[in-house]
C-alpha cells in the first residue's frame, strides 16, 4: 500500500506469451509478494479492428495462464487485452499513465540490428517513455 493514498502499489506486466514475458511474470510475482502489490497483466494487440480471432484467443489463453499464476499465490491480479490500434509500447505506457502504475515489468530479448530497424523495440519505447520505473527481464 502506498503511504499517501492507502491504495495498493500497482505493478504492470507487459505480456505476450514469450519466454521472456513468462520470466517477467515470475519477477512480478516476487515483487508483488514483497510489496503487497496488485498486478495488472497487459497483452497488447496492434491490429486494432483487423486483429484476427485466432490472435485474440491466443492472447486470452495467455492472460488466463497469467491470472492463474497470481491466483495460486493469492495476489490480486487483473488482466487486460488491449486492441486499440496502438503499438504495444504505446499501449503499455498509456496504461501505466491511466492507472497510476508504480512499476512496469517487461521481458526483453536480443534482436538483430535489422530486426530493431524494421520492428522497433517495445522495451526501448517503454523504458524511455513510462511514467515510472521499468524493470527489464531477460
Protein backbone atom coordinates (compact mmCIF):
# COMPACT_ATOMS: atom_id res chain seq x y z
CA UNK A 1 0.00 0.00 0.00
CA UNK A 2 1.18 3.48 -0.66
CA UNK A 3 1.52 5.62 2.41
CA UNK A 4 -0.04 8.69 0.81
CA UNK A 5 -3.26 7.23 -0.56
CA UNK A 6 -3.71 3.91 1.21
CA UNK A 7 -4.09 2.23 -2.21
CA UNK A 8 -2.18 -0.86 -3.19
CA UNK A 9 1.01 -0.42 -5.17
CA UNK A 10 0.35 -1.35 -8.81
CA UNK A 11 2.67 -3.42 -10.94
CA UNK A 12 2.13 -3.60 -14.71
CA UNK A 13 3.46 -6.59 -16.63
CA UNK A 14 3.68 -6.39 -20.40
CA UNK A 15 2.85 -9.91 -21.53
CA UNK A 16 2.84 -11.66 -24.90
CA UNK A 17 3.34 -15.31 -24.02
CA UNK A 18 7.05 -15.43 -24.91
CA UNK A 19 9.70 -16.98 -22.67
CA UNK A 20 10.93 -13.58 -21.51
CA UNK A 21 7.37 -12.44 -20.81
CA UNK A 22 6.88 -15.52 -18.63
CA UNK A 23 10.07 -14.59 -16.78
CA UNK A 24 8.60 -11.10 -16.30
CA UNK A 25 5.55 -12.72 -14.67
CA UNK A 26 7.84 -14.51 -12.21
CA UNK A 27 9.62 -11.26 -11.32
CA UNK A 28 6.24 -9.55 -10.88
CA UNK A 29 5.13 -12.37 -8.60
CA UNK A 30 8.21 -11.86 -6.43
CA UNK A 31 7.81 -8.06 -6.34
CA UNK A 32 4.08 -8.27 -5.60
CA UNK A 33 4.66 -10.64 -2.69
CA UNK A 34 7.23 -8.34 -1.13
CA UNK A 35 5.45 -5.06 -1.85
CA UNK A 36 1.91 -6.34 -1.13
CA UNK A 37 1.03 -5.05 -4.57
CA UNK A 38 -1.67 -5.74 -7.11
CA UNK A 39 -0.65 -6.83 -10.58
CA UNK A 40 -2.06 -5.78 -13.94
CA UNK A 41 -1.07 -8.06 -16.80
CA UNK A 42 -1.50 -6.36 -20.18
CA UNK A 43 -1.43 -8.03 -23.59
CA UNK A 44 -1.48 -5.53 -26.45
CA UNK A 45 -2.51 -6.45 -29.98
CA UNK A 46 -1.56 -3.79 -32.50
CA UNK A 47 -4.03 -4.80 -35.20
CA UNK A 48 -7.00 -2.80 -33.95
CA UNK A 49 -10.10 -3.79 -35.92
CA UNK A 50 -8.00 -6.03 -38.19
CA UNK A 51 -7.00 -8.35 -35.34
CA UNK A 52 -7.89 -11.97 -36.06
CA UNK A 53 -9.98 -14.12 -33.73
CA UNK A 54 -7.03 -16.52 -33.51
CA UNK A 55 -4.79 -13.75 -32.14
CA UNK A 56 -7.47 -12.76 -29.65
CA UNK A 57 -7.94 -16.37 -28.50
CA UNK A 58 -4.18 -16.82 -28.08
CA UNK A 59 -4.00 -13.63 -26.01
CA UNK A 60 -6.96 -14.63 -23.85
CA UNK A 61 -5.43 -18.05 -23.17
CA UNK A 62 -2.14 -16.42 -22.22
CA UNK A 63 -3.84 -13.96 -19.91
CA UNK A 64 -5.77 -16.79 -18.27
CA UNK A 65 -2.45 -18.54 -17.59
CA UNK A 66 -1.07 -15.36 -16.01
CA UNK A 67 -4.20 -14.90 -13.91
CA UNK A 68 -3.94 -18.43 -12.53
CA UNK A 69 -0.28 -17.93 -11.57
CA UNK A 70 -1.15 -14.96 -9.35
CA UNK A 71 -4.35 -16.54 -8.03
CA UNK A 72 -2.34 -19.53 -6.74
CA UNK A 73 -0.17 -17.08 -4.78
CA UNK A 74 -3.21 -15.12 -3.53
CA UNK A 75 -2.02 -11.94 -5.23
CA UNK A 76 -4.64 -9.57 -6.64
CA UNK A 77 -4.35 -9.60 -10.41
CA UNK A 78 -6.31 -8.12 -13.27
CA UNK A 79 -5.71 -8.99 -16.90
CA UNK A 80 -6.26 -6.62 -19.78
CA UNK A 81 -6.40 -7.33 -23.51
CA UNK A 82 -5.82 -4.08 -25.36
CA UNK A 83 -6.76 -3.84 -29.03
CA UNK A 84 -6.67 -0.09 -29.55
CA UNK A 85 -4.55 0.06 -32.69
CA UNK A 86 -1.54 1.38 -30.77
CA UNK A 87 1.87 -0.24 -30.71
CA UNK A 88 2.46 -2.46 -27.66
CA UNK A 89 4.89 0.11 -26.27
CA UNK A 90 2.37 2.92 -26.62
CA UNK A 91 -0.35 0.75 -25.06
CA UNK A 92 1.82 -0.11 -22.04
CA UNK A 93 2.89 3.48 -21.42
CA UNK A 94 -0.66 4.78 -21.78
CA UNK A 95 -1.98 2.07 -19.43
CA UNK A 96 0.70 2.95 -16.86
CA UNK A 97 -0.33 6.61 -17.05
CA UNK A 98 -4.06 5.90 -16.86
CA UNK A 99 -3.79 3.53 -13.88
CA UNK A 100 -1.12 5.22 -11.71
CA UNK A 101 1.22 2.24 -12.03
CA UNK A 102 4.23 2.26 -9.73
CA UNK A 103 6.39 -0.14 -11.75
CA UNK A 104 6.42 -1.73 -15.19
CA UNK A 105 7.99 -5.15 -15.75
CA UNK A 106 8.75 -6.27 -19.30
CA UNK A 107 10.66 -9.07 -20.94
CA UNK A 108 13.44 -8.15 -23.35
CA UNK A 109 15.15 -10.24 -25.98
CA UNK A 110 18.06 -9.73 -28.29
CA UNK A 111 17.30 -8.71 -31.81
CA UNK A 112 19.47 -8.17 -34.81
CA UNK A 113 20.08 -4.62 -35.97
CA UNK A 114 17.73 -5.25 -38.90
CA UNK A 115 15.03 -6.53 -36.52
CA UNK A 116 15.34 -3.39 -34.44
CA UNK A 117 15.16 -1.23 -37.55
CA UNK A 118 12.11 -2.97 -39.02
CA UNK A 119 10.06 -3.59 -35.90
CA UNK A 120 11.30 -1.08 -33.37
CA UNK A 121 11.68 -2.06 -29.77
CA UNK A 122 8.72 -2.23 -27.41
CA UNK A 123 11.08 -2.43 -24.45
CA UNK A 124 13.05 0.61 -25.57
CA UNK A 125 9.89 2.66 -26.03
CA UNK A 126 8.56 1.69 -22.61
CA UNK A 127 11.88 2.33 -20.86
CA UNK A 128 12.16 5.80 -22.41
CA UNK A 129 8.52 6.88 -22.02
CA UNK A 130 6.99 5.18 -18.98
CA UNK A 131 5.99 7.50 -16.11
CA UNK A 132 7.52 5.11 -13.53
CA UNK A 133 10.47 2.76 -13.06
CA UNK A 134 10.78 -0.07 -15.59
CA UNK A 135 12.28 -3.46 -14.78
CA UNK A 136 13.55 -5.37 -17.80
CA UNK A 137 13.86 -9.15 -17.60
CA UNK A 138 15.83 -11.38 -19.95
